[in-house]
C-alpha atoms as a PDB file:
ATOM      1  CA  MET A   1       5.554  73.521  87.871  1.00  0.00           C
ATOM      2  CA  LEU A   2       3.415  73.567  90.825  1.00  0.00           C
ATOM      3  CA  THR A   3       3.789  71.275  94.245  1.00  0.00           C
ATOM      4  CA  PRO A   4       1.038  69.311  95.236  1.00  0.00           C
ATOM      5  CA  THR A   5      -0.265  71.639  98.088  1.00  0.00           C
ATOM      6  CA  GLN A   6      -0.352  74.235  94.645  1.00  0.00           C
ATOM      7  CA  ILE A   7      -2.625  71.947  92.798  1.00  0.00           C
ATOM      8  CA  LYS A   8      -4.707  70.711  95.130  1.00  0.00           C
ATOM      9  CA  TYR A   9      -5.348  74.536  96.324  1.00  0.00           C
ATOM     10  CA  LYS A  10      -5.740  75.809  92.557  1.00  0.00           C
ATOM     11  CA  ILE A  11      -8.377  72.792  92.214  1.00  0.00           C
ATOM     12  CA  ASP A  12     -10.008  73.280  95.343  1.00  0.00           C
ATOM     13  CA  TYR A  13     -10.430  76.939  95.346  1.00  0.00           C
ATOM     14  CA  GLU A  14     -10.563  78.074  91.796  1.00  0.00           C
ATOM     15  CA  ILE A  15     -11.698  75.352  89.435  1.00  0.00           C
ATOM     16  CA  VAL A  16     -14.166  73.365  91.502  1.00  0.00           C
ATOM     17  CA  VAL A  17     -15.126  75.595  93.960  1.00  0.00           C
ATOM     18  CA  ASP A  18     -18.986  75.163  94.922  1.00  0.00           C
ATOM     19  CA  CYS A  19     -19.712  72.555  92.503  1.00  0.00           C
ATOM     20  CA  TYR A  20     -21.968  70.048  94.062  1.00  0.00           C
ATOM     21  CA  ASP A  21     -22.253  67.777  91.213  1.00  0.00           C
ATOM     22  CA  ASP A  22     -20.601  66.041  88.335  1.00  0.00           C
ATOM     23  CA  PHE A  23     -22.192  68.440  85.891  1.00  0.00           C
ATOM     24  CA  GLU A  24     -20.919  71.328  87.480  1.00  0.00           C
ATOM     25  CA  VAL A  25     -17.368  69.734  88.191  1.00  0.00           C
ATOM     26  CA  SER A  26     -16.839  69.375  84.386  1.00  0.00           C
ATOM     27  CA  MET A  27     -18.139  73.212  83.925  1.00  0.00           C
ATOM     28  CA  GLY A  28     -15.931  74.287  86.320  1.00  0.00           C
ATOM     29  CA  TRP A  29     -12.856  72.754  84.597  1.00  0.00           C
ATOM     30  CA  PHE A  30     -14.159  74.035  81.041  1.00  0.00           C
ATOM     31  CA  THR A  31     -14.734  77.415  82.327  1.00  0.00           C
ATOM     32  CA  THR A  32     -10.998  77.401  83.542  1.00  0.00           C
ATOM     33  CA  MET A  33      -9.324  75.582  80.403  1.00  0.00           C
ATOM     34  CA  ASP A  34     -11.272  77.795  78.387  1.00  0.00           C
ATOM     35  CA  ASP A  35     -10.171  81.102  79.772  1.00  0.00           C
ATOM     36  CA  ASP A  36      -6.836  79.943  80.911  1.00  0.00           C
ATOM     37  CA  LEU A  37      -5.100  77.434  78.666  1.00  0.00           C
ATOM     38  CA  GLU A  38      -3.145  80.258  76.137  1.00  0.00           C
ATOM     39  CA  PHE A  39      -2.751  79.115  72.675  1.00  0.00           C
ATOM     40  CA  PRO A  40      -0.851  77.937  70.503  1.00  0.00           C
ATOM     41  CA  PHE A  41       1.454  75.343  71.871  1.00  0.00           C
ATOM     42  CA  GLU A  42       3.770  72.749  70.480  1.00  0.00           C
ATOM     43  CA  ALA A  43       3.711  69.168  71.627  1.00  0.00           C
ATOM     44  CA  THR A  44       4.410  65.707  70.064  1.00  0.00           C
ATOM     45  CA  ALA A  45       1.184  63.542  69.248  1.00  0.00           C
ATOM     46  CA  LYS A  46       0.274  59.839  69.040  1.00  0.00           C
ATOM     47  CA  PHE A  47      -0.956  58.356  65.908  1.00  0.00           C
ATOM     48  CA  GLU A  48      -2.113  54.752  65.063  1.00  0.00           C
ATOM     49  CA  LYS A  49      -1.957  53.980  61.341  1.00  0.00           C
ATOM     50  CA  ARG A  50      -4.085  51.594  59.470  1.00  0.00           C
ATOM     51  CA  ASP A  51      -1.642  48.658  59.497  1.00  0.00           C
ATOM     52  CA  GLY A  52      -1.682  49.117  63.472  1.00  0.00           C
ATOM     53  CA  THR A  53       1.657  51.049  63.855  1.00  0.00           C
ATOM     54  CA  ILE A  54       2.257  54.142  65.729  1.00  0.00           C
ATOM     55  CA  GLU A  55       3.678  57.327  65.022  1.00  0.00           C
ATOM     56  CA  PHE A  56       4.611  60.094  66.998  1.00  0.00           C
ATOM     57  CA  LYS A  57       4.605  63.583  65.191  1.00  0.00           C
ATOM     58  CA  GLN A  58       5.258  67.139  66.472  1.00  0.00           C
ATOM     59  CA  VAL A  59       1.904  69.094  66.290  1.00  0.00           C
ATOM     60  CA  THR A  60       0.252  72.603  66.909  1.00  0.00           C
ATOM     61  CA  ILE A  61      -2.547  72.971  69.251  1.00  0.00           C
ATOM     62  CA  VAL A  62      -4.414  75.927  68.030  1.00  0.00           C
ATOM     63  CA  GLY A  63      -7.749  75.303  70.719  1.00  0.00           C
ATOM     64  CA  LEU A  64     -10.105  73.532  73.271  1.00  0.00           C
ATOM     65  CA  ASP A  65     -12.564  71.495  71.637  1.00  0.00           C
ATOM     66  CA  ALA A  66     -15.060  70.751  74.461  1.00  0.00           C
ATOM     67  CA  ASP A  67     -17.840  72.268  76.011  1.00  0.00           C
ATOM     68  CA  GLU A  68     -19.146  72.314  79.776  1.00  0.00           C
ATOM     69  CA  GLN A  69     -20.007  68.548  79.187  1.00  0.00           C
ATOM     70  CA  SER A  70     -16.405  67.692  78.206  1.00  0.00           C
ATOM     71  CA  PHE A  71     -14.534  66.853  81.333  1.00  0.00           C
ATOM     72  CA  ARG A  72     -16.746  64.187  82.918  1.00  0.00           C
ATOM     73  CA  GLY A  73     -14.882  61.586  81.755  1.00  0.00           C
ATOM     74  CA  SER A  74     -10.909  60.560  82.116  1.00  0.00           C
ATOM     75  CA  ASP A  75      -9.791  62.941  78.449  1.00  0.00           C
ATOM     76  CA  PHE A  76     -10.901  66.051  76.478  1.00  0.00           C
ATOM     77  CA  LYS A  77     -10.624  67.090  73.290  1.00  0.00           C
ATOM     78  CA  LEU A  78      -8.268  70.148  71.571  1.00  0.00           C
ATOM     79  CA  LYS A  79      -7.808  71.385  68.355  1.00  0.00           C
ATOM     80  CA  MET A  80      -4.744  70.711  65.979  1.00  0.00           C
ATOM     81  CA  ALA A  81      -3.355  72.158  62.855  1.00  0.00           C
ATOM     82  CA  ASP A  82      -2.926  69.863  60.244  1.00  0.00           C
ATOM     83  CA  GLY A  83      -1.991  71.405  57.162  1.00  0.00           C
ATOM     84  CA  GLU A  84      -4.689  73.960  56.249  1.00  0.00           C
ATOM     85  CA  TYR A  85      -7.318  71.531  58.421  1.00  0.00           C
ATOM     86  CA  ILE A  86      -7.843  71.648  61.988  1.00  0.00           C
ATOM     87  CA  LYS A  87      -8.678  68.399  63.744  1.00  0.00           C
ATOM     88  CA  PRO A  88      -9.419  67.208  67.012  1.00  0.00           C
ATOM     89  CA  ILE A  89      -6.943  65.380  69.102  1.00  0.00           C
ATOM     90  CA  ALA A  90      -7.435  63.429  72.650  1.00  0.00           C
ATOM     91  CA  TYR A  91      -5.431  65.185  75.357  1.00  0.00           C
ATOM     92  CA  SER A  92      -4.507  61.604  76.466  1.00  0.00           C
ATOM     93  CA  LYS A  93      -2.707  61.627  73.030  1.00  0.00           C
ATOM     94  CA  LEU A  94      -0.466  64.229  73.526  1.00  0.00           C
ATOM     95  CA  SER A  95       3.306  64.582  74.887  1.00  0.00           C
ATOM     96  CA  LYS A  96       6.564  66.479  74.791  1.00  0.00           C
ATOM     97  CA  ILE A  97       4.163  69.286  75.584  1.00  0.00           C
ATOM     98  CA  ASP A  98       5.618  72.689  75.232  1.00  0.00           C
ATOM     99  CA  ALA A  99       3.537  75.218  76.105  1.00  0.00           C
ATOM    100  CA  SER A 100       3.435  78.188  78.676  1.00  0.00           C
ATOM    101  CA  GLU A 101       3.672  78.434  82.147  1.00  0.00           C
ATOM    102  CA  GLN A 102      -0.314  78.982  82.132  1.00  0.00           C
ATOM    103  CA  THR A 103      -0.955  76.035  80.520  1.00  0.00           C
ATOM    104  CA  MET A 104       1.754  73.770  81.777  1.00  0.00           C
ATOM    105  CA  GLU A 105       0.360  74.528  85.203  1.00  0.00           C
ATOM    106  CA  LEU A 106      -3.483  74.054  84.068  1.00  0.00           C
ATOM    107  CA  LEU A 107      -1.953  70.824  82.432  1.00  0.00           C
ATOM    108  CA  GLN A 108      -0.876  69.653  85.268  1.00  0.00           C
ATOM    109  CA  CYS A 109      -3.524  69.979  87.358  1.00  0.00           C
ATOM    110  CA  TRP A 110      -5.605  68.244  85.246  1.00  0.00           C
ATOM    111  CA  ASP A 111      -3.139  64.983  85.300  1.00  0.00           C
ATOM    112  CA  TYR A 112      -3.529  65.480  89.233  1.00  0.00           C
ATOM    113  CA  TRP A 113      -7.285  65.332  89.413  1.00  0.00           C
ATOM    114  CA  LEU A 114      -7.162  61.945  87.142  1.00  0.00           C
ATOM    115  CA  THR A 115      -4.326  60.097  88.689  1.00  0.00           C
ATOM    116  CA  GLN A 116      -4.525  61.521  92.641  1.00  0.00           C
ATOM    117  CA  TYR A 117      -7.431  63.315  93.291  1.00  0.00           C
END
């Protein structure tokens, strides 16, 4: 896990360095996520059923389902394996992520960006 100082450095000098507007910031996040997230990884996903109840299910995340404009808001989409199908899932629906150290650190930076930057 990174310290807040390390997170700020990574965001400022690796992810959004030389960004002058929202599009460039989104592009910086997309490029970094696309290059550095390591797939597959496991996570717990939160699903809402038709009857309104909530179910938590272990899933395998197999890729990024985003483009250079996907990081303008507070969420982005990943690709989830569901049997023989690949489905999009919002990052915000995931918890208990079990991934490589590199992936965990990048997701830690994203969480920091949203909540404390």
